[in-house]
């Protein structure tokens, strides 16, 4: 019987550690969610109105390059 109590104790320790990790994970998730909700401007995509249309010598519009979309 003595060996049986040892395994029970070990199982309880593992379960307690698992629950603590789960609680910490939930806390970090809630913190990230709160931080994301407090600053919606940083996650909002750029609006197309901020792009500047340029023209060549003949007055034709020049297409956008990937540099035009850089932050």
PDB file of N, CA and C in Angstrom:
ATOM      1  N   UNK A   1       0.796  -1.200   0.000  1.00  0.00           N
ATOM      2  CA  UNK A   1       0.000   0.000   0.000  1.00  0.00           C
ATOM      3  C   UNK A   1       0.840   1.266   0.000  1.00  0.00           C
ATOM      4  N   UNK A   2       2.048   1.196   0.506  1.00  0.00           N
ATOM      5  CA  UNK A   2       2.872   2.394   0.618  1.00  0.00           C
ATOM      6  C   UNK A   2       3.198   2.970  -0.752  1.00  0.00           C
ATOM      7  N   UNK A   3       3.420   2.122  -1.752  1.00  0.00           N
ATOM      8  CA  UNK A   3       3.721   2.601  -3.094  1.00  0.00           C
ATOM      9  C   UNK A   3       2.539   3.266  -3.758  1.00  0.00           C
ATOM     10  N   UNK A   4       1.346   2.878  -3.381  1.00  0.00           N
ATOM     11  CA  UNK A   4       0.133   3.422  -3.969  1.00  0.00           C
ATOM     12  C   UNK A   4      -0.060   4.885  -3.592  1.00  0.00           C
ATOM     13  N   UNK A   5       0.246   5.279  -2.369  1.00  0.00           N
ATOM     14  CA  UNK A   5       0.074   6.669  -1.950  1.00  0.00           C
ATOM     15  C   UNK A   5       1.072   7.589  -2.650  1.00  0.00           C
ATOM     16  N   UNK A   6       2.224   7.042  -2.956  1.00  0.00           N
ATOM     17  CA  UNK A   6       3.245   7.841  -3.652  1.00  0.00           C
ATOM     18  C   UNK A   6       2.760   8.228  -5.053  1.00  0.00           C
ATOM     19  N   UNK A   7       2.164   7.285  -5.779  1.00  0.00           N
ATOM     20  CA  UNK A   7       1.673   7.604  -7.124  1.00  0.00           C
ATOM     21  C   UNK A   7       0.523   8.594  -7.060  1.00  0.00           C
ATOM     22  N   UNK A   8      -0.330   8.490  -6.047  1.00  0.00           N
ATOM     23  CA  UNK A   8      -1.430   9.431  -5.894  1.00  0.00           C
ATOM     24  C   UNK A   8      -0.887  10.836  -5.661  1.00  0.00           C
ATOM     25  N   UNK A   9       0.116  10.947  -4.798  1.00  0.00           N
ATOM     26  CA  UNK A   9       0.731  12.246  -4.519  1.00  0.00           C
ATOM     27  C   UNK A   9       1.340  12.838  -5.788  1.00  0.00           C
ATOM     28  N   UNK A  10       2.042  12.023  -6.558  1.00  0.00           N
ATOM     29  CA  UNK A  10       2.659  12.483  -7.801  1.00  0.00           C
ATOM     30  C   UNK A  10       1.598  12.939  -8.799  1.00  0.00           C
ATOM     31  N   UNK A  11       0.525  12.194  -8.897  1.00  0.00           N
ATOM     32  CA  UNK A  11      -0.561  12.569  -9.812  1.00  0.00           C
ATOM     33  C   UNK A  11      -1.184  13.895  -9.393  1.00  0.00           C
ATOM     34  N   UNK A  12      -1.367  14.079  -8.098  1.00  0.00           N
ATOM     35  CA  UNK A  12      -1.940  15.344  -7.608  1.00  0.00           C
ATOM     36  C   UNK A  12      -1.007  16.513  -7.905  1.00  0.00           C
ATOM     37  N   UNK A  13       0.299  16.281  -7.726  1.00  0.00           N
ATOM     38  CA  UNK A  13       1.276  17.340  -8.035  1.00  0.00           C
ATOM     39  C   UNK A  13       1.213  17.713  -9.514  1.00  0.00           C
ATOM     40  N   UNK A  14       1.174  16.721 -10.376  1.00  0.00           N
ATOM     41  CA  UNK A  14       1.122  16.977 -11.811  1.00  0.00           C
ATOM     42  C   UNK A  14      -0.154  17.710 -12.195  1.00  0.00           C
ATOM     43  N   UNK A  15      -1.263  17.281 -11.613  1.00  0.00           N
ATOM     44  CA  UNK A  15      -2.544  17.932 -11.916  1.00  0.00           C
ATOM     45  C   UNK A  15      -2.547  19.381 -11.429  1.00  0.00           C
ATOM     46  N   UNK A  16      -2.002  19.620 -10.245  1.00  0.00           N
ATOM     47  CA  UNK A  16      -1.929  20.986  -9.709  1.00  0.00           C
ATOM     48  C   UNK A  16      -1.054  21.868 -10.612  1.00  0.00           C
ATOM     49  N   UNK A  17       0.069  21.337 -11.076  1.00  0.00           N
ATOM     50  CA  UNK A  17       0.958  22.087 -11.967  1.00  0.00           C
ATOM     51  C   UNK A  17       0.260  22.378 -13.292  1.00  0.00           C
ATOM     52  N   UNK A  18      -0.496  21.389 -13.800  1.00  0.00           N
ATOM     53  CA  UNK A  18      -1.217  21.587 -15.050  1.00  0.00           C
ATOM     54  C   UNK A  18      -2.268  22.691 -14.899  1.00  0.00           C
ATOM     55  N   UNK A  19      -2.989  22.683 -13.789  1.00  0.00           N
ATOM     56  CA  UNK A  19      -4.001  23.712 -13.547  1.00  0.00           C
ATOM     57  C   UNK A  19      -3.377  25.097 -13.413  1.00  0.00           C
ATOM     58  N   UNK A  20      -2.218  25.172 -12.766  1.00  0.00           N
ATOM     59  CA  UNK A  20      -1.532  26.465 -12.637  1.00  0.00           C
ATOM     60  C   UNK A  20      -1.089  26.993 -13.996  1.00  0.00           C
ATOM     61  N   UNK A  21      -0.532  26.105 -14.824  1.00  0.00           N
ATOM     62  CA  UNK A  21      -0.126  26.523 -16.171  1.00  0.00           C
ATOM     63  C   UNK A  21      -1.329  26.990 -16.979  1.00  0.00           C
ATOM     64  N   UNK A  22      -2.445  26.281 -16.841  1.00  0.00           N
ATOM     65  CA  UNK A  22      -3.653  26.646 -17.564  1.00  0.00           C
ATOM     66  C   UNK A  22      -4.160  28.018 -17.099  1.00  0.00           C
ATOM     67  N   UNK A  23      -4.114  28.289 -15.808  1.00  0.00           N
ATOM     68  CA  UNK A  23      -4.548  29.572 -15.271  1.00  0.00           C
ATOM     69  C   UNK A  23      -3.631  30.705 -15.752  1.00  0.00           C
ATOM     70  N   UNK A  24      -2.321  30.453 -15.764  1.00  0.00           N
ATOM     71  CA  UNK A  24      -1.377  31.464 -16.249  1.00  0.00           C
ATOM     72  C   UNK A  24      -1.609  31.760 -17.722  1.00  0.00           C
ATOM     73  N   UNK A  25      -1.864  30.717 -18.487  1.00  0.00           N
ATOM     74  CA  UNK A  25      -2.130  30.889 -19.917  1.00  0.00           C
ATOM     75  C   UNK A  25      -3.394  31.720 -20.132  1.00  0.00           C
ATOM     76  N   UNK A  26      -4.444  31.445 -19.367  1.00  0.00           N
ATOM     77  CA  UNK A  26      -5.689  32.204 -19.488  1.00  0.00           C
ATOM     78  C   UNK A  26      -5.468  33.666 -19.090  1.00  0.00           C
ATOM     79  N   UNK A  27      -4.636  33.889 -18.086  1.00  0.00           N
ATOM     80  CA  UNK A  27      -4.341  35.251 -17.656  1.00  0.00           C
ATOM     81  C   UNK A  27      -3.580  36.015 -18.741  1.00  0.00           C
ATOM     82  N   UNK A  28      -2.589  35.370 -19.363  1.00  0.00           N
ATOM     83  CA  UNK A  28      -1.844  36.021 -20.446  1.00  0.00           C
ATOM     84  C   UNK A  28      -2.755  36.322 -21.632  1.00  0.00           C
ATOM     85  N   UNK A  29      -3.658  35.392 -21.938  1.00  0.00           N
ATOM     86  CA  UNK A  29      -4.591  35.591 -23.045  1.00  0.00           C
ATOM     87  C   UNK A  29      -5.501  36.781 -22.769  1.00  0.00           C
ATOM     88  N   UNK A  30      -6.014  36.883 -21.546  1.00  0.00           N
ATOM     89  CA  UNK A  30      -6.873  38.005 -21.179  1.00  0.00           C
ATOM     90  C   UNK A  30      -6.107  39.323 -21.243  1.00  0.00           C
ATOM     91  N   UNK A  31      -4.836  39.298 -20.836  1.00  0.00           N
ATOM     92  CA  UNK A  31      -4.020  40.511 -20.876  1.00  0.00           C
ATOM     93  C   UNK A  31      -3.784  40.954 -22.317  1.00  0.00           C
ATOM     94  N   UNK A  32      -3.475  39.999 -23.213  1.00  0.00           N
ATOM     95  CA  UNK A  32      -3.278  40.349 -24.623  1.00  0.00           C
ATOM     96  C   UNK A  32      -4.564  40.887 -25.232  1.00  0.00           C
ATOM     97  N   UNK A  33      -5.680  40.283 -24.865  1.00  0.00           N
ATOM     98  CA  UNK A  33      -6.971  40.729 -25.386  1.00  0.00           C
ATOM     99  C   UNK A  33      -7.273  42.146 -24.919  1.00  0.00           C
ATOM    100  N   UNK A  34      -6.953  42.437 -23.659  1.00  0.00           N
ATOM    101  CA  UNK A  34      -7.181  43.768 -23.113  1.00  0.00           C
ATOM    102  C   UNK A  34      -6.270  44.793 -23.800  1.00  0.00           C
ATOM    103  N   UNK A  35      -5.005  44.442 -24.029  1.00  0.00           N
ATOM    104  CA  UNK A  35      -4.080  45.355 -24.697  1.00  0.00           C
ATOM    105  C   UNK A  35      -4.498  45.604 -26.137  1.00  0.00           C
ATOM    106  N   UNK A  36      -4.989  44.585 -26.813  1.00  0.00           N
ATOM    107  CA  UNK A  36      -5.429  44.749 -28.192  1.00  0.00           C
ATOM    108  C   UNK A  36      -6.678  45.624 -28.252  1.00  0.00           C
ATOM    109  N   UNK A  37      -7.539  45.521 -27.273  1.00  0.00           N
ATOM    110  CA  UNK A  37      -8.758  46.324 -27.249  1.00  0.00           C
ATOM    111  C   UNK A  37      -8.502  47.781 -26.911  1.00  0.00           C
ATOM    112  N   UNK A  38      -7.419  48.067 -26.206  1.00  0.00           N
ATOM    113  CA  UNK A  38      -7.141  49.448 -25.808  1.00  0.00           C
ATOM    114  C   UNK A  38      -6.479  50.268 -26.907  1.00  0.00           C
ATOM    115  N   UNK A  39      -5.888  49.617 -27.910  1.00  0.00           N
ATOM    116  CA  UNK A  39      -5.247  50.368 -28.983  1.00  0.00           C
ATOM    117  C   UNK A  39      -5.669  49.825 -30.353  1.00  0.00           C
ATOM    118  N   UNK A  40      -6.903  50.088 -30.787  1.00  0.00           N
ATOM    119  CA  UNK A  40      -7.355  49.557 -32.078  1.00  0.00           C
ATOM    120  C   UNK A  40      -6.703  50.248 -33.269  1.00  0.00           C
ATOM    121  N   UNK A  41      -6.118  51.433 -33.055  1.00  0.00           N
ATOM    122  CA  UNK A  41      -5.495  52.149 -34.164  1.00  0.00           C
ATOM    123  C   UNK A  41      -4.277  51.412 -34.702  1.00  0.00           C
ATOM    124  N   UNK A  42      -3.537  50.757 -33.827  1.00  0.00           N
ATOM    125  CA  UNK A  42      -2.309  50.093 -34.257  1.00  0.00           C
ATOM    126  C   UNK A  42      -2.587  48.869 -35.111  1.00  0.00           C
ATOM    127  N   UNK A  43      -3.722  48.216 -34.907  1.00  0.00           N
ATOM    128  CA  UNK A  43      -4.020  47.021 -35.680  1.00  0.00           C
ATOM    129  C   UNK A  43      -4.884  47.320 -36.909  1.00  0.00           C
ATOM    130  N   UNK A  44      -5.354  48.550 -37.057  1.00  0.00           N
ATOM    131  CA  UNK A  44      -6.199  48.895 -38.190  1.00  0.00           C
ATOM    132  C   UNK A  44      -5.350  48.988 -39.462  1.00  0.00           C
ATOM    133  N   UNK A  45      -5.832  48.446 -40.563  1.00  0.00           N
ATOM    134  CA  UNK A  45      -5.065  48.539 -41.809  1.00  0.00           C
ATOM    135  C   UNK A  45      -5.059  49.959 -42.361  1.00  0.00           C
ATOM    136  N   UNK A  46      -4.058  50.238 -43.166  1.00  0.00           N
ATOM    137  CA  UNK A  46      -3.950  51.549 -43.786  1.00  0.00           C
ATOM    138  C   UNK A  46      -5.075  51.744 -44.779  1.00  0.00           C
ATOM    139  N   UNK A  47      -5.629  52.938 -44.808  1.00  0.00           N
ATOM    140  CA  UNK A  47      -6.699  53.190 -45.763  1.00  0.00           C
ATOM    141  C   UNK A  47      -6.085  53.574 -47.110  1.00  0.00           C
ATOM    142  N   UNK A  48      -6.714  53.202 -48.217  1.00  0.00           N
ATOM    143  CA  UNK A  48      -6.187  53.536 -49.535  1.00  0.00           C
ATOM    144  C   UNK A  48      -6.128  55.043 -49.795  1.00  0.00           C
ATOM    145  N   UNK A  49      -6.857  55.835 -49.012  1.00  0.00           N
ATOM    146  CA  UNK A  49      -6.854  57.284 -49.208  1.00  0.00           C
ATOM    147  C   UNK A  49      -5.481  57.888 -48.901  1.00  0.00           C
ATOM    148  N   UNK A  50      -4.633  57.203 -48.162  1.00  0.00           N
ATOM    149  CA  UNK A  50      -3.315  57.733 -47.817  1.00  0.00           C
ATOM    150  C   UNK A  50      -2.297  57.575 -48.946  1.00  0.00           C
ATOM    151  N   UNK A  51      -2.617  56.789 -49.953  1.00  0.00           N
ATOM    152  CA  UNK A  51      -1.703  56.600 -51.076  1.00  0.00           C
ATOM    153  C   UNK A  51      -1.739  57.824 -51.981  1.00  0.00           C
ATOM    154  N   UNK A  52      -0.594  58.187 -52.508  1.00  0.00           N
ATOM    155  CA  UNK A  52      -0.491  59.342 -53.391  1.00  0.00           C
ATOM    156  C   UNK A  52      -0.307  58.853 -54.818  1.00  0.00           C
ATOM    157  N   UNK A  53      -1.168  59.312 -55.703  1.00  0.00           N
ATOM    158  CA  UNK A  53      -1.078  58.921 -57.105  1.00  0.00           C
ATOM    159  C   UNK A  53      -0.100  59.858 -57.805  1.00  0.00           C
ATOM    160  N   UNK A  54       0.905  59.270 -58.430  1.00  0.00           N
ATOM    161  CA  UNK A  54       1.891  60.064 -59.157  1.00  0.00           C
ATOM    162  C   UNK A  54       1.664  59.909 -60.650  1.00  0.00           C
ATOM    163  N   UNK A  55       2.150  60.893 -61.417  1.00  0.00           N
ATOM    164  CA  UNK A  55       1.981  60.888 -62.867  1.00  0.00           C
ATOM    165  C   UNK A  55       3.341  60.993 -63.548  1.00  0.00           C
ATOM    166  N   UNK A  56       3.443  60.413 -64.720  1.00  0.00           N
ATOM    167  CA  UNK A  56       4.689  60.502 -65.472  1.00  0.00           C
ATOM    168  C   UNK A  56       4.700  61.792 -66.296  1.00  0.00           C
ATOM    169  N   UNK A  57       5.716  61.942 -67.184  1.00  0.00           N
ATOM    170  CA  UNK A  57       5.872  63.173 -67.968  1.00  0.00           C
ATOM    171  C   UNK A  57       4.683  63.434 -68.895  1.00  0.00           C
ATOM    172  N   UNK A  58       4.031  62.392 -69.326  1.00  0.00           N
ATOM    173  CA  UNK A  58       2.913  62.541 -70.255  1.00  0.00           C
ATOM    174  C   UNK A  58       1.583  62.738 -69.545  1.00  0.00           C
ATOM    175  N   UNK A  59       1.595  62.748 -68.216  1.00  0.00           N
ATOM    176  CA  UNK A  59       0.369  62.951 -67.458  1.00  0.00           C
ATOM    177  C   UNK A  59      -0.382  61.667 -67.164  1.00  0.00           C
ATOM    178  N   UNK A  60       0.200  60.540 -67.502  1.00  0.00           N
ATOM    179  CA  UNK A  60      -0.443  59.253 -67.225  1.00  0.00           C
ATOM    180  C   UNK A  60      -0.126  58.827 -65.790  1.00  0.00           C
ATOM    181  N   UNK A  61      -1.099  58.265 -65.101  1.00  0.00           N
ATOM    182  CA  UNK A  61      -0.822  57.812 -63.723  1.00  0.00           C
ATOM    183  C   UNK A  61       0.158  56.644 -63.722  1.00  0.00           C
ATOM    184  N   UNK A  62       1.048  56.660 -62.741  1.00  0.00           N
ATOM    185  CA  UNK A  62       2.046  55.607 -62.590  1.00  0.00           C
ATOM    186  C   UNK A  62       1.493  54.588 -61.582  1.00  0.00           C
ATOM    187  N   UNK A  63       1.675  53.303 -61.863  1.00  0.00           N
ATOM    188  CA  UNK A  63       1.173  52.250 -60.970  1.00  0.00           C
ATOM    189  C   UNK A  63       1.892  52.251 -59.641  1.00  0.00           C
ATOM    190  N   UNK A  64       1.257  51.641 -58.672  1.00  0.00           N
ATOM    191  CA  UNK A  64       1.837  51.557 -57.337  1.00  0.00           C
ATOM    192  C   UNK A  64       2.894  50.472 -57.290  1.00  0.00           C
ATOM    193  N   UNK A  65       3.907  50.691 -56.461  1.00  0.00           N
ATOM    194  CA  UNK A  65       4.986  49.745 -56.247  1.00  0.00           C
ATOM    195  C   UNK A  65       4.853  49.219 -54.819  1.00  0.00           C
ATOM    196  N   UNK A  66       5.553  48.156 -54.483  1.00  0.00           N
ATOM    197  CA  UNK A  66       5.449  47.625 -53.127  1.00  0.00           C
ATOM    198  C   UNK A  66       6.004  48.610 -52.110  1.00  0.00           C
ATOM    199  N   UNK A  67       6.847  49.550 -52.524  1.00  0.00           N
ATOM    200  CA  UNK A  67       7.356  50.575 -51.611  1.00  0.00           C
ATOM    201  C   UNK A  67       6.266  51.547 -51.191  1.00  0.00           C
ATOM    202  N   UNK A  68       5.247  51.702 -52.029  1.00  0.00           N
ATOM    203  CA  UNK A  68       4.150  52.601 -51.694  1.00  0.00           C
ATOM    204  C   UNK A  68       3.330  52.105 -50.514  1.00  0.00           C
ATOM    205  N   UNK A  69       3.382  50.800 -50.241  1.00  0.00           N
ATOM    206  CA  UNK A  69       2.591  50.223 -49.187  1.00  0.00           C
ATOM    207  C   UNK A  69       3.381  49.986 -47.908  1.00  0.00           C
ATOM    208  N   UNK A  70       4.637  50.371 -47.876  1.00  0.00           N
ATOM    209  CA  UNK A  70       5.473  50.173 -46.682  1.00  0.00           C
ATOM    210  C   UNK A  70       5.057  51.145 -45.600  1.00  0.00           C
ATOM    211  N   UNK A  71       5.250  50.724 -44.346  1.00  0.00           N
ATOM    212  CA  UNK A  71       4.875  51.592 -43.212  1.00  0.00           C
ATOM    213  C   UNK A  71       5.879  52.638 -43.010  1.00  0.00           C
TER     214      UNK A  71
END
